[in-house]
């Protein structure tokens, strides 16, 4: 599922539930830059790891930041809220690193 923020920014969300309980999810902010959708920030708990944020770098590297949360439902809400409220800041930070 995509949550459109504007024509150049979107959030991609994939949630896996079992009996109504969140078991896994990915919530990723993507920016349209030079006609290519580029992942900038990703929240997930995939690959057996606890909830974390991956901060993508223009050179392809990523910085992993683990975040303690009481449940995956709370983590998912946090991720969506953070990306919706700060996507423009994440985009500008990514682009400023790209210009260096």
N, C-alpha and C. Protein backbone atom coordinates (compact mmCIF):
# COMPACT_ATOMS: atom_id res chain seq x y z
N UNK A 1 0.84 -1.16 0.00
CA UNK A 1 0.00 0.00 0.00
C UNK A 1 0.89 1.24 0.00
N UNK A 2 0.47 2.24 -0.74
CA UNK A 2 1.19 3.51 -0.78
C UNK A 2 0.33 4.60 -0.13
N UNK A 3 0.98 5.44 0.63
CA UNK A 3 0.35 6.62 1.19
C UNK A 3 1.01 7.81 0.52
N UNK A 4 0.29 8.45 -0.40
CA UNK A 4 0.85 9.59 -1.11
C UNK A 4 0.90 10.82 -0.21
N UNK A 5 2.07 11.43 -0.15
CA UNK A 5 2.23 12.65 0.64
C UNK A 5 2.05 13.86 -0.26
N UNK A 6 2.65 13.82 -1.42
CA UNK A 6 2.47 14.78 -2.50
C UNK A 6 3.03 14.11 -3.75
N UNK A 7 3.12 14.81 -4.85
CA UNK A 7 3.55 14.18 -6.10
C UNK A 7 4.98 13.66 -6.10
N UNK A 8 5.80 14.11 -5.17
CA UNK A 8 7.21 13.71 -5.15
C UNK A 8 7.61 12.93 -3.91
N UNK A 9 6.66 12.57 -3.07
CA UNK A 9 6.96 11.88 -1.82
C UNK A 9 5.84 10.90 -1.49
N UNK A 10 6.22 9.71 -1.00
CA UNK A 10 5.23 8.71 -0.64
C UNK A 10 5.78 7.81 0.47
N UNK A 11 4.86 7.14 1.13
CA UNK A 11 5.22 6.14 2.13
C UNK A 11 4.69 4.80 1.65
N UNK A 12 5.56 3.82 1.61
CA UNK A 12 5.19 2.46 1.24
C UNK A 12 5.01 1.68 2.54
N UNK A 13 3.86 1.03 2.70
CA UNK A 13 3.57 0.30 3.93
C UNK A 13 3.16 -1.14 3.59
N UNK A 14 3.78 -2.08 4.31
CA UNK A 14 3.40 -3.49 4.21
C UNK A 14 3.29 -4.02 5.63
N UNK A 15 2.14 -4.57 5.97
CA UNK A 15 1.90 -5.07 7.33
C UNK A 15 1.43 -6.51 7.24
N UNK A 16 2.00 -7.36 8.08
CA UNK A 16 1.57 -8.74 8.20
C UNK A 16 0.95 -8.91 9.58
N UNK A 17 -0.31 -9.38 9.61
CA UNK A 17 -1.00 -9.60 10.87
C UNK A 17 -1.42 -11.06 10.98
N UNK A 18 -1.54 -11.51 12.20
CA UNK A 18 -2.09 -12.83 12.50
C UNK A 18 -3.14 -12.63 13.59
N UNK A 19 -4.39 -12.97 13.25
CA UNK A 19 -5.51 -12.79 14.18
C UNK A 19 -5.57 -11.36 14.72
N UNK A 20 -5.35 -10.40 13.83
CA UNK A 20 -5.44 -8.99 14.18
C UNK A 20 -4.23 -8.40 14.87
N UNK A 21 -3.20 -9.19 15.11
CA UNK A 21 -2.00 -8.71 15.78
C UNK A 21 -0.87 -8.52 14.77
N UNK A 22 -0.22 -7.36 14.80
CA UNK A 22 0.89 -7.07 13.89
C UNK A 22 2.06 -8.00 14.22
N UNK A 23 2.52 -8.74 13.22
CA UNK A 23 3.65 -9.65 13.39
C UNK A 23 4.91 -9.16 12.69
N UNK A 24 4.72 -8.35 11.66
CA UNK A 24 5.86 -7.83 10.90
C UNK A 24 5.36 -6.65 10.07
N UNK A 25 6.24 -5.71 9.80
CA UNK A 25 5.86 -4.61 8.93
C UNK A 25 7.10 -3.92 8.37
N UNK A 26 6.87 -3.22 7.27
CA UNK A 26 7.86 -2.32 6.68
C UNK A 26 7.12 -1.02 6.38
N UNK A 27 7.72 0.08 6.76
CA UNK A 27 7.16 1.41 6.52
C UNK A 27 8.32 2.25 5.98
N UNK A 28 8.25 2.59 4.70
CA UNK A 28 9.39 3.23 4.04
C UNK A 28 8.99 4.53 3.36
N UNK A 29 9.74 5.59 3.64
CA UNK A 29 9.56 6.87 2.95
C UNK A 29 10.41 6.86 1.70
N UNK A 30 9.79 7.19 0.56
CA UNK A 30 10.47 7.24 -0.73
C UNK A 30 10.25 8.61 -1.35
N UNK A 31 11.30 9.13 -2.00
CA UNK A 31 11.22 10.44 -2.65
C UNK A 31 11.49 10.27 -4.14
N UNK A 32 10.75 11.00 -4.95
CA UNK A 32 10.97 11.00 -6.39
C UNK A 32 12.05 12.03 -6.69
N UNK A 33 13.23 11.53 -7.09
CA UNK A 33 14.37 12.39 -7.37
C UNK A 33 14.89 12.02 -8.75
N UNK A 34 14.93 12.98 -9.65
CA UNK A 34 15.36 12.73 -11.03
C UNK A 34 14.58 11.58 -11.65
N UNK A 35 13.25 11.59 -11.41
CA UNK A 35 12.31 10.63 -11.98
C UNK A 35 12.51 9.19 -11.51
N UNK A 36 13.19 9.00 -10.36
CA UNK A 36 13.40 7.68 -9.78
C UNK A 36 12.94 7.73 -8.32
N UNK A 37 12.13 6.73 -7.90
CA UNK A 37 11.73 6.63 -6.50
C UNK A 37 12.88 6.06 -5.69
N UNK A 38 13.37 6.86 -4.74
CA UNK A 38 14.54 6.50 -3.94
C UNK A 38 14.12 6.34 -2.48
N UNK A 39 14.43 5.18 -1.86
CA UNK A 39 14.14 5.04 -0.43
C UNK A 39 15.06 5.93 0.39
N UNK A 40 14.48 6.63 1.37
CA UNK A 40 15.24 7.55 2.21
C UNK A 40 15.30 7.04 3.65
N UNK A 41 14.15 6.66 4.20
CA UNK A 41 14.06 6.14 5.57
C UNK A 41 13.17 4.90 5.55
N UNK A 42 13.61 3.85 6.27
CA UNK A 42 12.78 2.65 6.37
C UNK A 42 12.72 2.20 7.83
N UNK A 43 11.50 1.96 8.29
CA UNK A 43 11.27 1.35 9.59
C UNK A 43 10.83 -0.09 9.34
N UNK A 44 11.39 -1.02 10.10
CA UNK A 44 10.92 -2.40 9.98
C UNK A 44 11.40 -3.24 11.15
N UNK A 45 10.99 -4.49 11.13
CA UNK A 45 11.42 -5.47 12.12
C UNK A 45 11.68 -6.78 11.38
N UNK A 46 12.13 -6.68 10.14
CA UNK A 46 12.33 -7.83 9.28
C UNK A 46 13.63 -8.56 9.61
N UNK A 47 13.74 -9.74 9.07
CA UNK A 47 14.95 -10.56 9.16
C UNK A 47 15.29 -10.92 10.60
N UNK A 48 14.26 -11.07 11.45
CA UNK A 48 14.48 -11.48 12.82
C UNK A 48 15.07 -10.42 13.73
N UNK A 49 15.15 -9.19 13.25
CA UNK A 49 15.70 -8.11 14.07
C UNK A 49 14.57 -7.37 14.78
N UNK A 50 14.92 -6.70 15.88
CA UNK A 50 13.92 -5.90 16.57
C UNK A 50 13.66 -4.61 15.77
N UNK A 51 12.64 -3.89 16.18
CA UNK A 51 12.22 -2.68 15.49
C UNK A 51 13.40 -1.72 15.34
N UNK A 52 13.56 -1.22 14.12
CA UNK A 52 14.66 -0.30 13.85
C UNK A 52 14.35 0.60 12.66
N UNK A 53 15.16 1.65 12.55
CA UNK A 53 15.08 2.60 11.43
C UNK A 53 16.36 2.47 10.64
N UNK A 54 16.24 2.35 9.32
CA UNK A 54 17.38 2.40 8.42
C UNK A 54 17.39 3.77 7.76
N UNK A 55 18.48 4.49 7.93
CA UNK A 55 18.65 5.81 7.31
C UNK A 55 19.55 5.61 6.10
N UNK A 56 19.00 5.80 4.91
CA UNK A 56 19.74 5.59 3.68
C UNK A 56 20.64 6.78 3.38
N UNK A 57 21.79 6.48 2.85
CA UNK A 57 22.76 7.51 2.46
C UNK A 57 22.82 7.57 0.93
N UNK A 58 23.11 8.72 0.38
CA UNK A 58 23.18 8.84 -1.09
C UNK A 58 24.19 7.89 -1.73
N UNK A 59 25.23 7.48 -1.00
CA UNK A 59 26.23 6.58 -1.59
C UNK A 59 25.81 5.10 -1.51
N UNK A 60 24.60 4.83 -0.98
CA UNK A 60 24.11 3.47 -0.89
C UNK A 60 24.26 2.83 0.48
N UNK A 61 25.06 3.43 1.34
CA UNK A 61 25.19 2.92 2.71
C UNK A 61 23.89 3.18 3.47
N UNK A 62 23.72 2.46 4.58
CA UNK A 62 22.58 2.74 5.45
C UNK A 62 23.02 2.62 6.90
N UNK A 63 22.42 3.46 7.71
CA UNK A 63 22.70 3.49 9.15
C UNK A 63 21.50 2.89 9.86
N UNK A 64 21.73 1.86 10.66
CA UNK A 64 20.67 1.18 11.39
C UNK A 64 20.59 1.73 12.81
N UNK A 65 19.37 2.11 13.22
CA UNK A 65 19.14 2.67 14.55
C UNK A 65 18.02 1.87 15.22
N UNK A 66 18.35 1.11 16.27
CA UNK A 66 17.35 0.31 16.96
C UNK A 66 16.55 1.20 17.91
N UNK A 67 15.24 0.91 18.00
CA UNK A 67 14.31 1.73 18.78
C UNK A 67 13.48 0.78 19.65
N UNK A 68 13.47 1.02 20.94
CA UNK A 68 12.68 0.20 21.85
C UNK A 68 11.22 0.65 21.84
N UNK A 69 10.32 -0.31 21.65
CA UNK A 69 8.88 -0.04 21.68
C UNK A 69 8.22 -1.19 22.42
N UNK A 70 7.07 -0.91 23.02
CA UNK A 70 6.35 -1.93 23.78
C UNK A 70 5.67 -2.98 22.91
N UNK A 71 5.30 -2.62 21.69
CA UNK A 71 4.62 -3.56 20.80
C UNK A 71 4.85 -3.14 19.35
N UNK A 72 4.59 -4.06 18.44
CA UNK A 72 4.72 -3.73 17.02
C UNK A 72 3.61 -2.79 16.56
N UNK A 73 2.45 -2.85 17.20
CA UNK A 73 1.37 -1.92 16.86
C UNK A 73 1.79 -0.48 17.16
N UNK A 74 2.41 -0.29 18.32
CA UNK A 74 2.90 1.05 18.68
C UNK A 74 4.03 1.46 17.76
N UNK A 75 4.92 0.53 17.43
CA UNK A 75 6.04 0.82 16.54
C UNK A 75 5.53 1.25 15.16
N UNK A 76 4.54 0.57 14.64
CA UNK A 76 3.98 0.92 13.34
C UNK A 76 3.36 2.32 13.37
N UNK A 77 2.60 2.61 14.40
CA UNK A 77 2.01 3.95 14.53
C UNK A 77 3.09 5.02 14.60
N UNK A 78 4.13 4.75 15.37
CA UNK A 78 5.26 5.68 15.49
C UNK A 78 5.90 5.93 14.13
N UNK A 79 6.15 4.84 13.39
CA UNK A 79 6.81 4.96 12.09
C UNK A 79 5.99 5.80 11.12
N UNK A 80 4.70 5.52 11.02
CA UNK A 80 3.84 6.28 10.11
C UNK A 80 3.79 7.74 10.51
N UNK A 81 3.61 8.01 11.80
CA UNK A 81 3.55 9.39 12.27
C UNK A 81 4.86 10.13 11.97
N UNK A 82 5.99 9.50 12.28
CA UNK A 82 7.29 10.14 12.05
C UNK A 82 7.48 10.48 10.58
N UNK A 83 7.20 9.54 9.70
CA UNK A 83 7.42 9.78 8.27
C UNK A 83 6.45 10.82 7.72
N UNK A 84 5.20 10.80 8.15
CA UNK A 84 4.23 11.80 7.67
C UNK A 84 4.59 13.20 8.15
N UNK A 85 5.10 13.31 9.36
CA UNK A 85 5.36 14.64 9.91
C UNK A 85 6.75 15.18 9.60
N UNK A 86 7.68 14.32 9.20
CA UNK A 86 9.06 14.79 8.99
C UNK A 86 9.64 14.46 7.62
N UNK A 87 8.81 14.00 6.68
CA UNK A 87 9.35 13.58 5.39
C UNK A 87 10.11 14.69 4.67
N UNK A 88 9.63 15.92 4.77
CA UNK A 88 10.32 17.02 4.08
C UNK A 88 11.71 17.25 4.68
N UNK A 89 11.84 17.09 5.99
CA UNK A 89 13.15 17.21 6.64
C UNK A 89 14.07 16.07 6.23
N UNK A 90 13.55 14.84 6.19
CA UNK A 90 14.36 13.69 5.76
C UNK A 90 14.83 13.87 4.31
N UNK A 91 13.94 14.37 3.47
CA UNK A 91 14.30 14.58 2.06
C UNK A 91 15.43 15.61 1.94
N UNK A 92 15.27 16.74 2.62
CA UNK A 92 16.28 17.79 2.53
C UNK A 92 17.63 17.32 3.07
N UNK A 93 17.61 16.57 4.16
CA UNK A 93 18.86 16.05 4.72
C UNK A 93 19.54 15.11 3.73
N UNK A 94 18.77 14.23 3.08
CA UNK A 94 19.32 13.32 2.08
C UNK A 94 19.92 14.09 0.91
N UNK A 95 19.18 15.09 0.40
CA UNK A 95 19.66 15.87 -0.74
C UNK A 95 20.89 16.69 -0.38
N UNK A 96 20.96 17.22 0.84
CA UNK A 96 22.13 18.00 1.24
C UNK A 96 23.37 17.12 1.31
N UNK A 97 23.23 15.89 1.74
CA UNK A 97 24.36 14.95 1.76
C UNK A 97 24.78 14.58 0.35
N UNK A 98 23.80 14.53 -0.54
CA UNK A 98 24.07 14.19 -1.94
C UNK A 98 24.87 15.29 -2.63
N UNK A 99 24.64 16.54 -2.23
CA UNK A 99 25.33 17.68 -2.86
C UNK A 99 26.78 17.80 -2.43
N UNK A 100 27.12 17.20 -1.31
CA UNK A 100 28.50 17.33 -0.79
C UNK A 100 29.49 16.53 -1.60
